């Protein structure tokens, strides 16, 4: 990223990416050690992210690709950001959407997953694009569950990978609950799934804030927090992992949100994957 994001003032709760823990009522402030906050969009509104993305992004990234493009949103919470991204990427107004959407699904189909079934149920009930945005309950770190589920979805379109994957404020929760090795494995898996990856890492101060919230509530600390070796400038560390270990290159930093998180776009450098997908899309 050519420029550092300006410091923000907010250190609020984060987006979920792992199972809801038994004994942590959703109504108790800060009691979401896996990030599955039920009112996430109220304190980090979707427009805070989508306003950073240029109009026509999909057209510039995929000028000649066959439609529909396929997207995956990992850790979608209750879907507000997923829908906002979908509208923004397709240039749709707030008034557009519904069962009779004649054109939206022809351009992009978006699969959104989250491990919290209650949040997914809310997302399904409130979706304005049920024909082209799918919400599914899935633990992305469960290999036995994710592989057949994602493969089955892709096969519906004759594809083996997604065009673009979104990972918005999810990496910290993977890292805190699965450790350094879990974060590296997660990033490698996402990279293997797509041509482009749009990722919003949480900065290290959010790790400390999450641990502090648990301590204030008298809860058990995160299993891996004190033993993490990957720390510091998390946007830089994640960029390093993706570029050195995962055959990705940083294309662009779209700036940062008011709560001090960078939006980073990566592209696969695997020519075999790109060539294979191109031939599949032409069939």
Protein backbone atom coordinates (compact mmCIF):
# COMPACT_ATOMS: atom_id res chain seq x y z
CA UNK A 1 0.00 0.00 0.00
CA UNK A 2 1.51 3.26 -1.07
CA UNK A 3 0.07 5.24 1.83
CA UNK A 4 -0.72 4.59 5.44
CA UNK A 5 -4.31 4.98 6.52
CA UNK A 6 -5.05 7.91 8.85
CA UNK A 7 -5.58 7.08 12.52
CA UNK A 8 -9.20 6.64 13.49
CA UNK A 9 -11.03 7.23 16.71
CA UNK A 10 -13.14 4.09 16.99
CA UNK A 11 -12.20 0.76 18.55
CA UNK A 12 -15.60 -0.88 18.47
CA UNK A 13 -16.57 -4.51 18.25
CA UNK A 14 -15.55 -6.51 15.20
CA UNK A 15 -17.18 -8.73 12.61
CA UNK A 16 -17.60 -12.44 13.28
CA UNK A 17 -15.64 -15.24 11.70
CA UNK A 18 -15.94 -18.19 14.05
CA UNK A 19 -18.50 -20.04 16.19
CA UNK A 20 -20.71 -18.39 18.77
CA UNK A 21 -19.54 -19.50 22.20
CA UNK A 22 -22.04 -21.05 24.57
CA UNK A 23 -22.69 -18.91 27.62
CA UNK A 24 -22.06 -15.57 25.91
CA UNK A 25 -25.42 -13.80 25.60
CA UNK A 26 -25.57 -11.72 22.43
CA UNK A 27 -27.03 -8.82 24.41
CA UNK A 28 -24.01 -8.54 26.73
CA UNK A 29 -21.71 -5.79 25.40
CA UNK A 30 -18.35 -7.13 24.28
CA UNK A 31 -19.29 -10.76 24.93
CA UNK A 32 -18.54 -12.02 21.45
CA UNK A 33 -15.11 -13.67 21.57
CA UNK A 34 -15.63 -14.92 18.01
CA UNK A 35 -16.74 -11.57 16.62
CA UNK A 36 -20.36 -12.52 15.92
CA UNK A 37 -21.87 -9.26 17.09
CA UNK A 38 -25.61 -9.08 16.35
CA UNK A 39 -25.69 -5.33 15.60
CA UNK A 40 -22.36 -4.94 13.84
CA UNK A 41 -23.57 -2.62 11.07
CA UNK A 42 -24.80 -0.05 13.61
CA UNK A 43 -21.31 0.92 14.74
CA UNK A 44 -19.40 0.15 11.50
CA UNK A 45 -21.91 1.19 8.78
CA UNK A 46 -21.49 -0.47 5.36
CA UNK A 47 -21.16 2.87 3.60
CA UNK A 48 -17.89 3.41 5.48
CA UNK A 49 -16.37 0.69 3.29
CA UNK A 50 -18.22 0.91 0.00
CA UNK A 51 -17.56 4.64 -0.39
CA UNK A 52 -13.85 3.80 -0.71
CA UNK A 53 -14.41 1.52 -3.70
CA UNK A 54 -14.51 3.16 -7.15
CA UNK A 55 -17.56 2.83 -9.34
CA UNK A 56 -17.16 0.35 -12.15
CA UNK A 57 -14.66 -1.75 -10.19
CA UNK A 58 -15.95 -5.06 -11.53
CA UNK A 59 -15.84 -3.79 -15.12
CA UNK A 60 -12.24 -2.69 -14.70
CA UNK A 61 -11.17 -5.96 -13.08
CA UNK A 62 -13.11 -8.24 -15.43
CA UNK A 63 -13.55 -6.35 -18.72
CA UNK A 64 -13.98 -9.42 -20.92
CA UNK A 65 -15.07 -12.14 -18.50
CA UNK A 66 -18.32 -13.97 -19.09
CA UNK A 67 -21.14 -13.15 -16.69
CA UNK A 68 -22.33 -13.82 -14.12
CA UNK A 69 -19.20 -13.21 -12.07
CA UNK A 70 -19.00 -15.23 -8.86
CA UNK A 71 -18.19 -13.65 -5.49
CA UNK A 72 -17.73 -15.05 -1.99
CA UNK A 73 -18.14 -12.98 1.19
CA UNK A 74 -16.51 -14.69 4.18
CA UNK A 75 -17.85 -13.76 7.61
CA UNK A 76 -20.87 -11.86 6.31
CA UNK A 77 -22.56 -11.36 9.71
CA UNK A 78 -26.23 -10.47 9.11
CA UNK A 79 -25.64 -9.41 5.53
CA UNK A 80 -25.91 -5.61 5.54
CA UNK A 81 -22.37 -5.11 4.20
CA UNK A 82 -22.80 -7.92 1.68
CA UNK A 83 -25.89 -6.26 0.21
CA UNK A 84 -24.22 -2.84 0.23
CA UNK A 85 -21.20 -4.25 -1.63
CA UNK A 86 -23.48 -5.92 -4.15
CA UNK A 87 -25.42 -2.71 -4.81
CA UNK A 88 -22.26 -0.65 -5.10
CA UNK A 89 -20.43 -3.05 -7.40
CA UNK A 90 -23.42 -3.23 -9.75
CA UNK A 91 -24.33 0.45 -9.49
CA UNK A 92 -27.77 -0.26 -8.06
CA UNK A 93 -29.77 2.29 -6.11
CA UNK A 94 -31.36 1.63 -2.74
CA UNK A 95 -34.78 1.40 -4.39
CA UNK A 96 -33.64 -1.41 -6.68
CA UNK A 97 -33.99 -4.99 -5.58
CA UNK A 98 -36.59 -7.66 -5.14
CA UNK A 99 -37.78 -10.96 -6.49
CA UNK A 100 -38.28 -9.50 -9.95
CA UNK A 101 -34.70 -8.17 -10.30
CA UNK A 102 -34.28 -8.75 -14.04
CA UNK A 103 -30.61 -7.90 -14.58
CA UNK A 104 -28.62 -7.91 -11.33
CA UNK A 105 -28.11 -11.66 -11.15
CA UNK A 106 -26.83 -11.73 -14.70
CA UNK A 107 -23.78 -9.73 -13.67
CA UNK A 108 -22.85 -11.11 -10.24
CA UNK A 109 -23.83 -13.99 -8.00
CA UNK A 110 -22.66 -13.59 -4.43
CA UNK A 111 -22.34 -16.39 -1.87
CA UNK A 112 -22.13 -15.10 1.70
CA UNK A 113 -21.21 -17.33 4.61
CA UNK A 114 -21.06 -16.99 8.36
CA UNK A 115 -20.82 -19.53 11.14
CA UNK A 116 -23.56 -17.98 13.27
CA UNK A 117 -26.89 -19.51 12.16
CA UNK A 118 -28.95 -16.78 13.83
CA UNK A 119 -27.14 -14.07 11.87
CA UNK A 120 -27.55 -16.02 8.64
CA UNK A 121 -31.27 -16.40 9.28
CA UNK A 122 -31.56 -12.64 9.69
CA UNK A 123 -29.61 -12.11 6.48
CA UNK A 124 -31.84 -14.47 4.54
CA UNK A 125 -35.01 -12.81 5.81
CA UNK A 126 -33.79 -9.32 4.93
CA UNK A 127 -32.15 -9.94 1.57
CA UNK A 128 -33.46 -7.76 -1.28
CA UNK A 129 -31.74 -9.99 -3.87
CA UNK A 130 -32.66 -13.57 -2.94
CA UNK A 131 -32.10 -14.85 -6.48
CA UNK A 132 -28.48 -13.68 -6.74
CA UNK A 133 -27.23 -13.33 -3.14
CA UNK A 134 -27.12 -16.59 -1.18
CA UNK A 135 -26.54 -16.70 2.58
CA UNK A 136 -25.22 -19.90 4.14
CA UNK A 137 -24.23 -21.08 7.60
CA UNK A 138 -20.61 -22.28 7.26
CA UNK A 139 -17.51 -22.52 9.45
CA UNK A 140 -14.84 -21.48 6.95
CA UNK A 141 -12.14 -23.11 9.13
CA UNK A 142 -13.84 -26.52 9.04
CA UNK A 143 -12.12 -28.25 6.10
CA UNK A 144 -14.58 -31.13 6.05
CA UNK A 145 -17.51 -28.72 5.72
CA UNK A 146 -16.13 -25.97 3.50
CA UNK A 147 -14.64 -28.05 0.69
CA UNK A 148 -17.79 -29.92 -0.39
CA UNK A 149 -20.06 -26.92 0.21
CA UNK A 150 -18.05 -24.43 -1.84
CA UNK A 151 -17.30 -26.98 -4.56
CA UNK A 152 -21.00 -27.77 -4.88
CA UNK A 153 -21.85 -24.08 -5.27
CA UNK A 154 -19.16 -23.53 -7.89
CA UNK A 155 -20.20 -26.59 -9.88
CA UNK A 156 -23.62 -25.02 -10.40
CA UNK A 157 -21.83 -22.50 -12.65
CA UNK A 158 -19.29 -24.89 -14.15
CA UNK A 159 -16.51 -23.20 -12.20
CA UNK A 160 -13.73 -24.27 -9.86
CA UNK A 161 -12.94 -20.88 -8.27
CA UNK A 162 -14.57 -17.53 -7.52
CA UNK A 163 -13.78 -14.36 -9.42
CA UNK A 164 -13.51 -12.31 -6.25
CA UNK A 165 -13.53 -13.01 -2.50
CA UNK A 166 -14.37 -10.45 0.19
CA UNK A 167 -12.89 -10.75 3.69
CA UNK A 168 -13.99 -7.74 5.71
CA UNK A 169 -12.75 -7.46 9.32
CA UNK A 170 -12.49 -11.21 9.73
CA UNK A 171 -8.76 -11.93 9.95
CA UNK A 172 -8.40 -10.96 13.63
CA UNK A 173 -11.03 -13.43 14.76
CA UNK A 174 -9.43 -16.24 12.78
CA UNK A 175 -6.05 -15.25 14.23
CA UNK A 176 -7.18 -15.01 17.87
CA UNK A 177 -9.07 -18.30 17.79
CA UNK A 178 -6.78 -20.37 15.54
CA UNK A 179 -3.35 -18.86 16.12
CA UNK A 180 -0.60 -17.89 13.70
CA UNK A 181 -0.83 -21.16 11.80
CA UNK A 182 -4.60 -20.76 11.49
CA UNK A 183 -4.26 -17.28 10.01
CA UNK A 184 -1.67 -18.43 7.47
CA UNK A 185 -3.82 -21.43 6.51
CA UNK A 186 -6.90 -19.22 6.21
CA UNK A 187 -5.15 -16.75 3.90
CA UNK A 188 -3.73 -19.58 1.79
CA UNK A 189 -7.18 -21.09 1.44
CA UNK A 190 -8.81 -17.81 0.41
CA UNK A 191 -6.04 -17.22 -2.13
CA UNK A 192 -6.64 -20.61 -3.67
CA UNK A 193 -10.31 -19.76 -4.18
CA UNK A 194 -10.15 -16.66 -6.33
CA UNK A 195 -8.52 -14.39 -8.87
CA UNK A 196 -9.03 -11.25 -6.73
CA UNK A 197 -9.17 -10.90 -2.94
CA UNK A 198 -10.49 -7.75 -1.25
CA UNK A 199 -9.46 -7.85 2.38
CA UNK A 200 -9.86 -5.51 5.36
CA UNK A 201 -7.50 -6.58 8.18
CA UNK A 202 -8.04 -5.36 11.71
CA UNK A 203 -5.06 -3.44 13.14
CA UNK A 204 -3.22 -4.76 16.19
CA UNK A 205 -4.92 -2.27 18.51
CA UNK A 206 -8.19 -4.11 17.84
CA UNK A 207 -6.62 -7.34 19.13
CA UNK A 208 -5.76 -5.62 22.39
CA UNK A 209 -9.23 -4.07 22.61
CA UNK A 210 -10.90 -7.46 22.05
CA UNK A 211 -8.78 -9.09 24.76
CA UNK A 212 -9.47 -6.18 27.11
CA UNK A 213 -13.23 -6.54 26.63
CA UNK A 214 -13.10 -10.19 27.65
CA UNK A 215 -11.01 -9.42 30.72
CA UNK A 216 -13.43 -6.69 31.82
CA UNK A 217 -16.22 -9.25 31.65
CA UNK A 218 -14.22 -11.78 33.66
CA UNK A 219 -14.13 -14.16 30.71
CA UNK A 220 -11.40 -16.57 29.66
CA UNK A 221 -8.76 -14.92 27.49
CA UNK A 222 -8.28 -15.86 23.85
CA UNK A 223 -6.32 -19.09 23.64
CA UNK A 224 -3.66 -17.69 21.32
CA UNK A 225 -3.49 -13.96 22.09
CA UNK A 226 -0.35 -14.00 24.24
CA UNK A 227 1.52 -16.45 22.01
CA UNK A 228 0.99 -14.77 18.63
CA UNK A 229 4.23 -14.08 16.77
CA UNK A 230 2.46 -12.40 13.83
CA UNK A 231 1.71 -8.97 15.27
CA UNK A 232 2.34 -5.26 14.84
CA UNK A 233 1.34 -3.73 11.50
CA UNK A 234 -1.25 -6.34 10.57
CA UNK A 235 -2.00 -4.92 7.13
CA UNK A 236 1.70 -5.19 6.31
CA UNK A 237 2.04 -8.66 7.85
CA UNK A 238 -0.98 -10.01 5.97
CA UNK A 239 0.30 -8.43 2.76
CA UNK A 240 3.61 -10.18 3.36
CA UNK A 241 1.92 -13.56 3.86
CA UNK A 242 -0.24 -13.19 0.75
CA UNK A 243 2.57 -12.03 -1.52
CA UNK A 244 5.32 -14.36 -0.28
CA UNK A 245 3.37 -17.50 0.53
CA UNK A 246 0.12 -17.37 -1.42
CA UNK A 247 0.98 -16.34 -5.00
CA UNK A 248 -0.84 -13.01 -4.69
CA UNK A 249 0.22 -9.48 -5.56
CA UNK A 250 -1.05 -6.25 -4.02
CA UNK A 251 -2.94 -4.34 -6.70
CA UNK A 252 -4.22 -1.37 -4.77
CA UNK A 253 -4.96 0.11 -1.36
CA UNK A 254 -8.31 1.90 -1.54
CA UNK A 255 -7.57 3.95 1.57
CA UNK A 256 -8.93 3.43 5.05
CA UNK A 257 -12.20 3.63 6.92
CA UNK A 258 -12.87 6.16 9.67
CA UNK A 259 -12.13 3.35 12.13
CA UNK A 260 -8.59 2.94 10.75
CA UNK A 261 -8.77 -0.17 8.56
CA UNK A 262 -7.27 -0.46 5.10
CA UNK A 263 -9.10 -1.96 2.14
CA UNK A 264 -6.53 -3.97 0.19
CA UNK A 265 -7.05 -5.59 -3.21
CA UNK A 266 -4.87 -8.57 -4.17
CA UNK A 267 -4.66 -10.48 -7.42
CA UNK A 268 -3.58 -14.07 -8.00
CA UNK A 269 -0.30 -14.44 -9.83
CA UNK A 270 -1.07 -18.04 -10.75
CA UNK A 271 -1.21 -18.02 -14.56
CA UNK A 272 -2.51 -21.58 -14.58
CA UNK A 273 -5.52 -20.61 -12.51
CA UNK A 274 -6.28 -17.58 -14.65
CA UNK A 275 -5.90 -19.52 -17.89
CA UNK A 276 -8.07 -22.33 -16.60
CA UNK A 277 -10.82 -20.00 -15.49
CA UNK A 278 -10.72 -18.11 -18.78
CA UNK A 279 -11.28 -21.29 -20.74
CA UNK A 280 -14.11 -22.33 -18.42
CA UNK A 281 -15.85 -18.99 -18.83
CA UNK A 282 -15.62 -19.18 -22.60
CA UNK A 283 -17.35 -22.57 -22.72
